[in-house]
Amino acid sequence: MRSRYVAYTLECENYILATWHPSTRPAPQDTADKVKTKWLGLEVKRHEYNLQEPDRAVVEFVARYKIGGRAYRLHEVGRFVREGEQWFYVDGDIR
């Protein structure tokens, strides 16, 4: 989760897409249409890892950011899956 947040702050779309599970990964976007986002911080509130399902995890986080001088926060419970040695973001529920 932290590496994906850093990728967002550095605008590393290739890394973001590479760590997004292929079953839910969006198509790459035209960078000319992107709104400039200033990321302000990440707080991981909890993470769950079940020994019965070692290839699945849940991470609850709050990411703070600004667009056009206005502050926002994204509170999400994200689901991740491990395939081989790689963890992938699958999807999440916004809180």
C-alpha atoms as a PDB file:
ATOM      1  CA  MET A   1       0.000   0.000   0.000  1.00  0.00           C
ATOM      2  CA  ARG A   2       2.740   2.437   0.904  1.00  0.00           C
ATOM      3  CA  SER A   3       4.604   1.847  -2.342  1.00  0.00           C
ATOM      4  CA  ARG A   4       1.430   2.523  -4.325  1.00  0.00           C
ATOM      5  CA  TYR A   5       0.876   5.772  -2.388  1.00  0.00           C
ATOM      6  CA  VAL A   6       4.442   6.878  -3.190  1.00  0.00           C
ATOM      7  CA  ALA A   7       3.821   6.013  -6.850  1.00  0.00           C
ATOM      8  CA  TYR A   8       0.775   8.293  -6.804  1.00  0.00           C
ATOM      9  CA  THR A   9       2.820  11.134  -5.263  1.00  0.00           C
ATOM     10  CA  LEU A  10       5.520  10.695  -7.914  1.00  0.00           C
ATOM     11  CA  GLU A  11       2.980  10.209 -10.718  1.00  0.00           C
ATOM     12  CA  CYS A  12       4.422   6.788 -11.615  1.00  0.00           C
ATOM     13  CA  GLU A  13       1.429   5.481 -13.534  1.00  0.00           C
ATOM     14  CA  ASN A  14       3.363   2.451 -14.831  1.00  0.00           C
ATOM     15  CA  TYR A  15       3.978   1.225 -11.263  1.00  0.00           C
ATOM     16  CA  ILE A  16       0.398   1.914 -10.210  1.00  0.00           C
ATOM     17  CA  LEU A  17      -0.938  -0.120 -13.126  1.00  0.00           C
ATOM     18  CA  ALA A  18       1.656  -2.887 -12.671  1.00  0.00           C
ATOM     19  CA  THR A  19       0.553  -3.374  -9.043  1.00  0.00           C
ATOM     20  CA  TRP A  20      -3.166  -3.330  -9.908  1.00  0.00           C
ATOM     21  CA  HIS A  21      -4.654  -6.781 -10.443  1.00  0.00           C
ATOM     22  CA  PRO A  22      -5.333  -7.423 -14.159  1.00  0.00           C
ATOM     23  CA  SER A  23      -8.960  -8.399 -13.421  1.00  0.00           C
ATOM     24  CA  THR A  24      -9.795  -4.877 -12.180  1.00  0.00           C
ATOM     25  CA  ARG A  25      -7.004  -2.729 -13.673  1.00  0.00           C
ATOM     26  CA  PRO A  26      -8.233   0.381 -15.516  1.00  0.00           C
ATOM     27  CA  ALA A  27      -6.890   1.368 -18.908  1.00  0.00           C
ATOM     28  CA  PRO A  28      -4.002   3.858 -18.934  1.00  0.00           C
ATOM     29  CA  GLN A  29      -5.202   7.453 -19.089  1.00  0.00           C
ATOM     30  CA  ASP A  30      -4.053  10.282 -21.276  1.00  0.00           C
ATOM     31  CA  THR A  31      -1.771  12.388 -19.063  1.00  0.00           C
ATOM     32  CA  ALA A  32      -2.947  15.587 -20.779  1.00  0.00           C
ATOM     33  CA  ASP A  33      -6.394  15.122 -19.200  1.00  0.00           C
ATOM     34  CA  LYS A  34      -5.171  14.497 -15.646  1.00  0.00           C
ATOM     35  CA  VAL A  35      -5.938  16.927 -12.851  1.00  0.00           C
ATOM     36  CA  LYS A  36      -2.879  17.957 -10.839  1.00  0.00           C
ATOM     37  CA  THR A  37      -3.083  16.342  -7.398  1.00  0.00           C
ATOM     38  CA  LYS A  38      -0.833  17.222  -4.468  1.00  0.00           C
ATOM     39  CA  TRP A  39      -0.642  14.282  -2.065  1.00  0.00           C
ATOM     40  CA  LEU A  40      -0.308  15.299   1.590  1.00  0.00           C
ATOM     41  CA  GLY A  41      -0.068  12.076   3.576  1.00  0.00           C
ATOM     42  CA  LEU A  42      -1.031   8.476   4.126  1.00  0.00           C
ATOM     43  CA  GLU A  43      -2.273   6.873   7.333  1.00  0.00           C
ATOM     44  CA  VAL A  44      -2.648   3.094   7.394  1.00  0.00           C
ATOM     45  CA  LYS A  45      -5.381   2.498   9.969  1.00  0.00           C
ATOM     46  CA  ARG A  46      -5.300  -1.306   9.950  1.00  0.00           C
ATOM     47  CA  HIS A  47      -4.342  -4.300   7.924  1.00  0.00           C
ATOM     48  CA  GLU A  48      -5.704  -7.826   8.069  1.00  0.00           C
ATOM     49  CA  TYR A  49      -3.879 -10.940   7.016  1.00  0.00           C
ATOM     50  CA  ASN A  50      -5.501 -14.317   7.629  1.00  0.00           C
ATOM     51  CA  LEU A  51      -3.285 -17.399   7.945  1.00  0.00           C
ATOM     52  CA  GLN A  52      -6.141 -19.429   6.442  1.00  0.00           C
ATOM     53  CA  GLU A  53      -5.944 -17.294   3.291  1.00  0.00           C
ATOM     54  CA  PRO A  54      -2.299 -16.164   3.173  1.00  0.00           C
ATOM     55  CA  ASP A  55      -2.623 -14.766  -0.348  1.00  0.00           C
ATOM     56  CA  ARG A  56      -5.316 -12.229   0.561  1.00  0.00           C
ATOM     57  CA  ALA A  57      -5.087  -9.073   2.658  1.00  0.00           C
ATOM     58  CA  VAL A  58      -7.162  -6.020   3.557  1.00  0.00           C
ATOM     59  CA  VAL A  59      -5.718  -2.571   4.230  1.00  0.00           C
ATOM     60  CA  GLU A  60      -7.735   0.335   5.614  1.00  0.00           C
ATOM     61  CA  PHE A  61      -6.138   3.684   4.916  1.00  0.00           C
ATOM     62  CA  VAL A  62      -6.729   7.413   4.708  1.00  0.00           C
ATOM     63  CA  ALA A  63      -4.900   9.379   2.021  1.00  0.00           C
ATOM     64  CA  ARG A  64      -5.034  13.172   2.122  1.00  0.00           C
ATOM     65  CA  TYR A  65      -4.584  15.330  -0.972  1.00  0.00           C
ATOM     66  CA  LYS A  66      -5.297  18.706  -2.564  1.00  0.00           C
ATOM     67  CA  ILE A  67      -6.691  19.604  -5.952  1.00  0.00           C
ATOM     68  CA  GLY A  68      -6.795  23.260  -6.935  1.00  0.00           C
ATOM     69  CA  GLY A  69      -6.047  24.355  -3.383  1.00  0.00           C
ATOM     70  CA  ARG A  70      -8.959  22.395  -1.898  1.00  0.00           C
ATOM     71  CA  ALA A  71      -8.208  19.571   0.556  1.00  0.00           C
ATOM     72  CA  TYR A  72      -9.753  16.103   0.338  1.00  0.00           C
ATOM     73  CA  ARG A  73      -9.345  12.763   2.023  1.00  0.00           C
ATOM     74  CA  LEU A  74      -9.816   9.282   0.659  1.00  0.00           C
ATOM     75  CA  HIS A  75     -10.800   6.735   3.317  1.00  0.00           C
ATOM     76  CA  GLU A  76     -10.765   3.260   1.791  1.00  0.00           C
ATOM     77  CA  VAL A  77     -10.715  -0.390   2.761  1.00  0.00           C
ATOM     78  CA  GLY A  78      -8.665  -1.954  -0.019  1.00  0.00           C
ATOM     79  CA  ARG A  79      -8.400  -5.614  -0.949  1.00  0.00           C
ATOM     80  CA  PHE A  80      -5.122  -7.116  -2.100  1.00  0.00           C
ATOM     81  CA  VAL A  81      -4.174 -10.518  -3.484  1.00  0.00           C
ATOM     82  CA  ARG A  82      -0.747 -12.153  -3.782  1.00  0.00           C
ATOM     83  CA  GLU A  83       0.183 -14.079  -6.877  1.00  0.00           C
ATOM     84  CA  GLY A  84       3.609 -15.661  -6.641  1.00  0.00           C
ATOM     85  CA  GLU A  85       5.749 -13.115  -4.819  1.00  0.00           C
ATOM     86  CA  GLN A  86       3.772 -10.073  -6.035  1.00  0.00           C
ATOM     87  CA  TRP A  87       0.947  -8.309  -4.179  1.00  0.00           C
ATOM     88  CA  PHE A  88      -1.751  -6.664  -6.305  1.00  0.00           C
ATOM     89  CA  TYR A  89      -4.451  -4.144  -5.441  1.00  0.00           C
ATOM     90  CA  VAL A  90      -7.823  -5.623  -6.438  1.00  0.00           C
ATOM     91  CA  ASP A  91     -10.465  -3.122  -5.331  1.00  0.00           C
ATOM     92  CA  GLY A  92     -11.758  -1.238  -2.328  1.00  0.00           C
ATOM     93  CA  ASP A  93     -14.718   0.247  -0.528  1.00  0.00           C
ATOM     94  CA  ILE A  94     -14.768   3.993   0.058  1.00  0.00           C
ATOM     95  CA  ARG A  95     -15.740   4.989   3.600  1.00  0.00           C
END
